[in-house]
Amino acid sequence: MKYAPIIIVAAALSGCSDPQAEKNETWDPTLCQFQQGECTRNGATLAVTPFSAPSEEPLTFHLTLPDDQKLVASRIEGRDMFMGVIPVRFDEQGNAEVIYGSCSSGYMVWRLFVTTEDEKGEQHHHLFDWLADAPTE
């Protein structure tokens, strides 16, 4: 077990950071940019207030689904690192309050998984990714 400490240190240093983001520090175009407005994925729309999506503070989500779909399930998870599973319960108006943890690296991408079902019973998946503590400019 002479290599065990190295593995543990490497795992601890990896944290929540995204190595690609640290290399070029450019905005990932696949992320929702709530400061520019709602984010649409596969026909569903998500808005977040406050739009900077701060960690460890209450957020309000507003989800709008296509007219022919109803919500089946929703949850939040870290996109690049397991940070637990946070169930999200939307009310009939499509609103939910959420709080998630922070990451020591300063770069944490969260993902909202939304599963819907249409009138034919077919399921649809909508994935919304965003940067926590996003810049406000």
N, C-alpha and C. Protein backbone atom coordinates (compact mmCIF):
# COMPACT_ATOMS: atom_id res chain seq x y z
N MET A 1 0.83 -1.19 0.00
CA MET A 1 0.00 0.00 0.00
C MET A 1 0.87 1.25 0.00
N LYS A 2 2.04 1.21 -0.62
CA LYS A 2 2.89 2.38 -0.58
C LYS A 2 2.38 3.50 -1.49
N TYR A 3 1.41 3.23 -2.39
CA TYR A 3 0.88 4.26 -3.27
C TYR A 3 -0.42 4.85 -2.77
N ALA A 4 -0.99 4.32 -1.71
CA ALA A 4 -2.29 4.77 -1.21
C ALA A 4 -2.30 6.27 -0.88
N PRO A 5 -1.29 6.84 -0.20
CA PRO A 5 -1.34 8.28 0.10
C PRO A 5 -1.38 9.14 -1.16
N ILE A 6 -0.69 8.74 -2.20
CA ILE A 6 -0.69 9.50 -3.45
C ILE A 6 -2.07 9.52 -4.06
N ILE A 7 -2.74 8.39 -4.07
CA ILE A 7 -4.09 8.31 -4.63
C ILE A 7 -5.04 9.18 -3.84
N ILE A 8 -4.95 9.14 -2.52
CA ILE A 8 -5.83 9.95 -1.68
C ILE A 8 -5.59 11.44 -1.92
N VAL A 9 -4.33 11.86 -1.99
CA VAL A 9 -4.01 13.26 -2.24
C VAL A 9 -4.52 13.68 -3.62
N ALA A 10 -4.32 12.86 -4.63
CA ALA A 10 -4.79 13.19 -5.97
C ALA A 10 -6.30 13.33 -5.99
N ALA A 11 -7.01 12.46 -5.30
CA ALA A 11 -8.47 12.55 -5.26
C ALA A 11 -8.90 13.81 -4.53
N ALA A 12 -8.23 14.17 -3.46
CA ALA A 12 -8.59 15.37 -2.71
C ALA A 12 -8.32 16.62 -3.51
N LEU A 13 -7.24 16.64 -4.27
CA LEU A 13 -6.90 17.82 -5.06
C LEU A 13 -7.83 18.02 -6.25
N SER A 14 -8.45 16.94 -6.72
CA SER A 14 -9.34 17.08 -7.88
C SER A 14 -10.57 17.89 -7.54
N GLY A 15 -11.06 17.82 -6.31
CA GLY A 15 -12.17 18.65 -5.85
C GLY A 15 -13.31 18.74 -6.82
N CYS A 16 -13.88 19.92 -6.94
CA CYS A 16 -15.03 20.14 -7.81
C CYS A 16 -14.62 20.83 -9.10
N SER A 17 -13.36 21.02 -9.31
CA SER A 17 -12.92 21.83 -10.44
C SER A 17 -13.10 21.11 -11.76
N ASP A 18 -13.19 21.90 -12.80
CA ASP A 18 -13.27 21.42 -14.16
C ASP A 18 -11.93 21.74 -14.81
N PRO A 19 -11.09 20.74 -15.07
CA PRO A 19 -9.76 21.01 -15.61
C PRO A 19 -9.80 21.81 -16.91
N GLN A 20 -10.76 21.56 -17.77
CA GLN A 20 -10.86 22.29 -19.03
C GLN A 20 -11.14 23.76 -18.77
N ALA A 21 -12.01 24.06 -17.83
CA ALA A 21 -12.34 25.46 -17.53
C ALA A 21 -11.14 26.19 -16.96
N GLU A 22 -10.34 25.49 -16.15
CA GLU A 22 -9.17 26.14 -15.57
C GLU A 22 -8.12 26.43 -16.63
N LYS A 23 -8.04 25.61 -17.68
CA LYS A 23 -7.05 25.82 -18.73
C LYS A 23 -7.32 27.09 -19.52
N ASN A 24 -8.56 27.25 -19.99
CA ASN A 24 -8.83 28.37 -20.88
C ASN A 24 -9.70 29.45 -20.26
N GLU A 25 -10.29 29.19 -19.12
CA GLU A 25 -11.12 30.14 -18.39
C GLU A 25 -12.16 30.84 -19.28
N THR A 26 -12.64 30.18 -20.31
CA THR A 26 -13.71 30.74 -21.12
C THR A 26 -15.02 30.12 -20.69
N TRP A 27 -16.09 30.82 -20.97
CA TRP A 27 -17.42 30.35 -20.61
C TRP A 27 -17.78 29.14 -21.45
N ASP A 28 -18.27 28.12 -20.81
CA ASP A 28 -18.71 26.91 -21.48
C ASP A 28 -20.04 27.21 -22.17
N PRO A 29 -20.09 27.18 -23.49
CA PRO A 29 -21.33 27.56 -24.20
C PRO A 29 -22.49 26.59 -23.99
N THR A 30 -22.22 25.41 -23.42
CA THR A 30 -23.31 24.47 -23.16
C THR A 30 -24.04 24.78 -21.87
N LEU A 31 -23.51 25.69 -21.06
CA LEU A 31 -24.14 26.03 -19.78
C LEU A 31 -25.27 27.03 -19.97
N CYS A 32 -26.28 26.91 -19.14
CA CYS A 32 -27.33 27.93 -19.10
C CYS A 32 -26.70 29.21 -18.58
N GLN A 33 -27.05 30.32 -19.17
CA GLN A 33 -26.55 31.62 -18.74
C GLN A 33 -27.74 32.45 -18.30
N PHE A 34 -28.15 32.23 -17.06
CA PHE A 34 -29.38 32.83 -16.55
C PHE A 34 -29.34 34.36 -16.52
N GLN A 35 -28.15 34.95 -16.49
CA GLN A 35 -28.07 36.40 -16.51
C GLN A 35 -28.53 36.95 -17.86
N GLN A 36 -28.59 36.09 -18.87
CA GLN A 36 -29.09 36.49 -20.18
C GLN A 36 -30.56 36.10 -20.39
N GLY A 37 -31.15 35.41 -19.42
CA GLY A 37 -32.56 35.03 -19.51
C GLY A 37 -32.77 33.54 -19.29
N GLU A 38 -33.95 33.10 -19.68
CA GLU A 38 -34.33 31.70 -19.51
C GLU A 38 -33.44 30.78 -20.34
N CYS A 39 -33.40 29.52 -19.93
CA CYS A 39 -32.62 28.51 -20.62
C CYS A 39 -33.59 27.44 -21.14
N THR A 40 -33.50 27.12 -22.42
CA THR A 40 -34.42 26.15 -23.01
C THR A 40 -33.65 24.90 -23.45
N ARG A 41 -34.18 23.76 -23.04
CA ARG A 41 -33.60 22.47 -23.40
C ARG A 41 -34.73 21.51 -23.78
N ASN A 42 -34.69 21.02 -25.02
CA ASN A 42 -35.64 20.02 -25.48
C ASN A 42 -37.09 20.45 -25.24
N GLY A 43 -37.34 21.75 -25.47
CA GLY A 43 -38.70 22.28 -25.35
C GLY A 43 -39.11 22.77 -23.98
N ALA A 44 -38.33 22.46 -22.94
CA ALA A 44 -38.62 22.93 -21.58
C ALA A 44 -37.75 24.16 -21.30
N THR A 45 -38.27 25.05 -20.46
CA THR A 45 -37.57 26.29 -20.15
C THR A 45 -37.38 26.43 -18.65
N LEU A 46 -36.17 26.86 -18.24
CA LEU A 46 -35.86 27.05 -16.83
C LEU A 46 -35.33 28.46 -16.61
N ALA A 47 -35.86 29.13 -15.59
CA ALA A 47 -35.34 30.42 -15.14
C ALA A 47 -34.94 30.26 -13.68
N VAL A 48 -33.87 30.94 -13.26
CA VAL A 48 -33.38 30.86 -11.89
C VAL A 48 -33.23 32.27 -11.33
N THR A 49 -33.69 32.44 -10.10
CA THR A 49 -33.53 33.71 -9.40
C THR A 49 -32.88 33.43 -8.06
N PRO A 50 -31.82 34.13 -7.68
CA PRO A 50 -31.08 35.10 -8.48
C PRO A 50 -30.32 34.40 -9.60
N PHE A 51 -30.11 35.11 -10.69
CA PHE A 51 -29.56 34.48 -11.89
C PHE A 51 -28.09 34.07 -11.74
N SER A 52 -27.40 34.54 -10.71
CA SER A 52 -26.01 34.12 -10.48
C SER A 52 -25.94 32.73 -9.86
N ALA A 53 -27.08 32.17 -9.46
CA ALA A 53 -27.19 30.82 -8.89
C ALA A 53 -26.20 30.58 -7.76
N PRO A 54 -26.24 31.43 -6.73
CA PRO A 54 -25.25 31.31 -5.64
C PRO A 54 -25.40 30.03 -4.83
N SER A 55 -24.27 29.51 -4.39
CA SER A 55 -24.24 28.32 -3.53
C SER A 55 -24.69 28.70 -2.13
N GLU A 56 -25.27 27.73 -1.45
CA GLU A 56 -25.66 27.85 -0.05
C GLU A 56 -26.63 29.01 0.22
N GLU A 57 -27.40 29.38 -0.78
CA GLU A 57 -28.44 30.41 -0.64
C GLU A 57 -29.70 29.90 -1.33
N PRO A 58 -30.87 30.32 -0.85
CA PRO A 58 -32.11 29.87 -1.50
C PRO A 58 -32.21 30.39 -2.93
N LEU A 59 -32.59 29.50 -3.82
CA LEU A 59 -32.82 29.85 -5.23
C LEU A 59 -34.27 29.53 -5.56
N THR A 60 -34.83 30.29 -6.47
CA THR A 60 -36.15 29.98 -6.98
C THR A 60 -36.01 29.54 -8.43
N PHE A 61 -36.51 28.36 -8.71
CA PHE A 61 -36.54 27.84 -10.08
C PHE A 61 -37.95 28.03 -10.61
N HIS A 62 -38.02 28.37 -11.91
CA HIS A 62 -39.32 28.39 -12.58
C HIS A 62 -39.17 27.55 -13.84
N LEU A 63 -39.94 26.48 -13.91
CA LEU A 63 -39.88 25.53 -15.02
C LEU A 63 -41.15 25.61 -15.84
N THR A 64 -40.99 25.75 -17.14
CA THR A 64 -42.11 25.74 -18.07
C THR A 64 -41.93 24.55 -19.01
N LEU A 65 -42.94 23.70 -19.07
CA LEU A 65 -42.89 22.50 -19.90
C LEU A 65 -43.72 22.68 -21.16
N PRO A 66 -43.41 21.90 -22.20
CA PRO A 66 -44.28 21.90 -23.38
C PRO A 66 -45.72 21.54 -22.97
N ASP A 67 -46.69 22.10 -23.66
CA ASP A 67 -48.10 21.91 -23.30
C ASP A 67 -48.54 20.46 -23.22
N ASP A 68 -47.94 19.59 -24.03
CA ASP A 68 -48.38 18.19 -24.07
C ASP A 68 -47.62 17.30 -23.08
N GLN A 69 -46.81 17.91 -22.17
CA GLN A 69 -46.01 17.10 -21.24
C GLN A 69 -46.32 17.45 -19.79
N LYS A 70 -46.21 16.43 -18.94
CA LYS A 70 -46.37 16.64 -17.50
C LYS A 70 -45.10 16.17 -16.80
N LEU A 71 -44.82 16.79 -15.68
CA LEU A 71 -43.63 16.47 -14.91
C LEU A 71 -43.75 15.11 -14.23
N VAL A 72 -42.71 14.30 -14.35
CA VAL A 72 -42.67 12.99 -13.70
C VAL A 72 -41.70 13.03 -12.53
N ALA A 73 -40.50 13.58 -12.74
CA ALA A 73 -39.48 13.63 -11.69
C ALA A 73 -38.47 14.71 -12.00
N SER A 74 -37.81 15.21 -10.94
CA SER A 74 -36.73 16.18 -11.14
C SER A 74 -35.76 16.10 -9.96
N ARG A 75 -34.49 16.32 -10.27
CA ARG A 75 -33.45 16.28 -9.25
C ARG A 75 -32.24 17.08 -9.73
N ILE A 76 -31.41 17.48 -8.77
CA ILE A 76 -30.16 18.17 -9.08
C ILE A 76 -29.00 17.29 -8.63
N GLU A 77 -27.95 17.26 -9.46
CA GLU A 77 -26.71 16.57 -9.14
C GLU A 77 -25.57 17.40 -9.70
N GLY A 78 -24.36 17.16 -9.18
CA GLY A 78 -23.19 17.77 -9.79
C GLY A 78 -22.98 17.15 -11.17
N ARG A 79 -22.64 17.98 -12.16
CA ARG A 79 -22.43 17.45 -13.50
C ARG A 79 -21.13 16.66 -13.60
N ASP A 80 -20.05 17.19 -13.01
CA ASP A 80 -18.73 16.59 -13.16
C ASP A 80 -18.22 15.88 -11.92
N MET A 81 -18.93 16.06 -10.81
CA MET A 81 -18.50 15.44 -9.57
C MET A 81 -19.73 15.12 -8.74
N PHE A 82 -19.72 13.96 -8.10
CA PHE A 82 -20.85 13.59 -7.28
C PHE A 82 -20.87 14.44 -6.01
N MET A 83 -21.96 15.19 -5.84
CA MET A 83 -22.16 16.04 -4.67
C MET A 83 -23.46 15.67 -3.97
N GLY A 84 -23.94 14.47 -4.25
CA GLY A 84 -25.21 14.05 -3.69
C GLY A 84 -26.33 14.25 -4.69
N VAL A 85 -27.52 13.83 -4.30
CA VAL A 85 -28.72 13.98 -5.13
C VAL A 85 -29.69 14.86 -4.36
N ILE A 86 -30.14 15.93 -5.01
CA ILE A 86 -31.06 16.86 -4.38
C ILE A 86 -32.41 16.76 -5.10
N PRO A 87 -33.42 16.22 -4.44
CA PRO A 87 -34.73 16.17 -5.10
C PRO A 87 -35.30 17.58 -5.23
N VAL A 88 -36.00 17.82 -6.33
CA VAL A 88 -36.62 19.12 -6.57
C VAL A 88 -38.11 18.89 -6.76
N ARG A 89 -38.91 19.59 -5.99
CA ARG A 89 -40.36 19.46 -6.05
C ARG A 89 -40.97 20.75 -6.56
N PHE A 90 -41.41 20.72 -7.80
CA PHE A 90 -42.05 21.88 -8.42
C PHE A 90 -43.53 21.91 -8.04
N ASP A 91 -44.06 23.11 -7.81
CA ASP A 91 -45.49 23.23 -7.54
C ASP A 91 -46.25 23.28 -8.86
N GLU A 92 -47.54 23.45 -8.80
CA GLU A 92 -48.38 23.42 -10.01
C GLU A 92 -48.07 24.57 -10.96
N GLN A 93 -47.50 25.66 -10.45
CA GLN A 93 -47.13 26.79 -11.30
C GLN A 93 -45.72 26.64 -11.88
N GLY A 94 -45.03 25.56 -11.53
CA GLY A 94 -43.69 25.31 -12.05
C GLY A 94 -42.59 25.95 -11.22
N ASN A 95 -42.87 26.31 -9.97
CA ASN A 95 -41.88 26.94 -9.10
C ASN A 95 -41.34 25.96 -8.08
N ALA A 96 -40.07 26.13 -7.73
CA ALA A 96 -39.45 25.31 -6.69
C ALA A 96 -38.37 26.14 -6.01
N GLU A 97 -38.18 25.90 -4.71
CA GLU A 97 -37.08 26.52 -3.99
C GLU A 97 -36.01 25.47 -3.76
N VAL A 98 -34.75 25.86 -3.97
CA VAL A 98 -33.64 24.93 -3.91
C VAL A 98 -32.46 25.58 -3.19
N ILE A 99 -31.71 24.78 -2.46
CA ILE A 99 -30.42 25.20 -1.91
C ILE A 99 -29.45 24.06 -2.17
N TYR A 100 -28.28 24.39 -2.68
CA TYR A 100 -27.24 23.37 -2.86
C TYR A 100 -25.93 23.86 -2.25
N GLY A 101 -25.02 22.94 -2.05
CA GLY A 101 -23.75 23.25 -1.39
C GLY A 101 -22.77 23.97 -2.28
N SER A 102 -21.68 24.37 -1.66
CA SER A 102 -20.63 25.07 -2.40
C SER A 102 -19.45 24.14 -2.64
N CYS A 103 -18.58 24.59 -3.50
CA CYS A 103 -17.39 23.82 -3.85
C CYS A 103 -16.18 24.70 -3.58
N SER A 104 -15.17 24.14 -2.97
CA SER A 104 -13.99 24.93 -2.60
C SER A 104 -13.19 25.42 -3.80
N SER A 105 -13.35 24.80 -4.97
CA SER A 105 -12.55 25.20 -6.13
C SER A 105 -13.06 26.48 -6.79
N GLY A 106 -14.32 26.84 -6.55
CA GLY A 106 -14.86 28.03 -7.21
C GLY A 106 -15.44 27.74 -8.58
N TYR A 107 -15.40 26.49 -9.04
CA TYR A 107 -16.00 26.14 -10.33
C TYR A 107 -16.81 24.87 -10.15
N MET A 108 -18.11 25.04 -10.02
CA MET A 108 -18.99 23.88 -9.81
C MET A 108 -20.17 23.99 -10.76
N VAL A 109 -20.31 22.99 -11.61
CA VAL A 109 -21.44 22.93 -12.54
C VAL A 109 -22.47 21.96 -11.98
N TRP A 110 -23.69 22.45 -11.85
CA TRP A 110 -24.81 21.64 -11.38
C TRP A 110 -25.70 21.29 -12.57
N ARG A 111 -26.43 20.20 -12.44
CA ARG A 111 -27.33 19.74 -13.50
C ARG A 111 -28.70 19.44 -12.91
N LEU A 112 -29.73 20.02 -13.52
CA LEU A 112 -31.11 19.69 -13.19
C LEU A 112 -31.58 18.67 -14.20
N PHE A 113 -31.99 17.50 -13.71
CA PHE A 113 -32.57 16.45 -14.53
C PHE A 113 -34.08 16.57 -14.42
N VAL A 114 -34.76 16.75 -15.53
CA VAL A 114 -36.22 16.81 -15.54
C VAL A 114 -36.73 15.70 -16.46
N THR A 115 -37.60 14.87 -15.93
CA THR A 115 -38.23 13.82 -16.72
C THR A 115 -39.70 14.17 -16.85
N THR A 116 -40.18 14.16 -18.09
CA THR A 116 -41.60 14.44 -18.36
C THR A 116 -42.20 13.29 -19.14
N GLU A 117 -43.51 13.31 -19.22
CA GLU A 117 -44.24 12.30 -19.97
C GLU A 117 -45.27 13.01 -20.83
N ASP A 118 -45.35 12.59 -22.10
CA ASP A 118 -46.33 13.20 -22.98
C ASP A 118 -47.66 12.43 -22.95
N GLU A 119 -48.60 12.88 -23.75
CA GLU A 119 -49.95 12.30 -23.77
C GLU A 119 -49.96 10.83 -24.21
N LYS A 120 -48.91 10.41 -24.94
CA LYS A 120 -48.81 9.03 -25.41
C LYS A 120 -48.11 8.13 -24.39
N GLY A 121 -47.66 8.72 -23.28
CA GLY A 121 -46.96 7.95 -22.26
C GLY A 121 -45.46 7.85 -22.48
N GLU A 122 -44.93 8.56 -23.50
CA GLU A 122 -43.50 8.54 -23.77
C GLU A 122 -42.78 9.52 -22.85
N GLN A 123 -41.64 9.09 -22.33
CA GLN A 123 -40.87 9.96 -21.46
C GLN A 123 -39.88 10.81 -22.25
N HIS A 124 -39.66 12.02 -21.74
CA HIS A 124 -38.71 12.96 -22.33
C HIS A 124 -37.79 13.44 -21.22
N HIS A 125 -36.53 13.71 -21.58
CA HIS A 125 -35.55 14.15 -20.59
C HIS A 125 -35.01 15.52 -20.98
N HIS A 126 -34.95 16.40 -20.01
CA HIS A 126 -34.48 17.76 -20.20
C HIS A 126 -33.34 17.96 -19.19
N LEU A 127 -32.15 18.32 -19.68
CA LEU A 127 -30.98 18.51 -18.82
C LEU A 127 -30.55 19.96 -18.86
N PHE A 128 -30.50 20.59 -17.71
CA PHE A 128 -30.08 21.98 -17.60
C PHE A 128 -28.80 22.03 -16.78
N ASP A 129 -27.71 22.53 -17.36
CA ASP A 129 -26.43 22.67 -16.68
C ASP A 129 -26.14 24.15 -16.47
N TRP A 130 -25.60 24.50 -15.28
CA TRP A 130 -25.24 25.88 -15.03
C TRP A 130 -24.08 25.94 -14.05
N LEU A 131 -23.39 27.06 -14.07
CA LEU A 131 -22.28 27.31 -13.17
C LEU A 131 -22.81 27.96 -11.91
N ALA A 132 -22.54 27.34 -10.76
CA ALA A 132 -22.92 27.95 -9.48
C ALA A 132 -22.04 29.19 -9.27
N ASP A 133 -22.60 30.17 -8.60
CA ASP A 133 -21.87 31.40 -8.30
C ASP A 133 -21.34 32.05 -9.58
N ALA A 134 -22.19 32.08 -10.60
CA ALA A 134 -21.82 32.62 -11.90
C ALA A 134 -21.53 34.11 -11.80
N PRO A 135 -20.61 34.59 -12.63
CA PRO A 135 -20.35 36.03 -12.63
C PRO A 135 -21.61 36.81 -12.98
N THR A 136 -21.77 37.97 -12.40
CA THR A 136 -22.97 38.76 -12.64
C THR A 136 -22.78 39.76 -13.78
N GLU A 137 -21.65 39.77 -14.39
CA GLU A 137 -21.41 40.69 -15.52
C GLU A 137 -21.50 40.00 -16.84
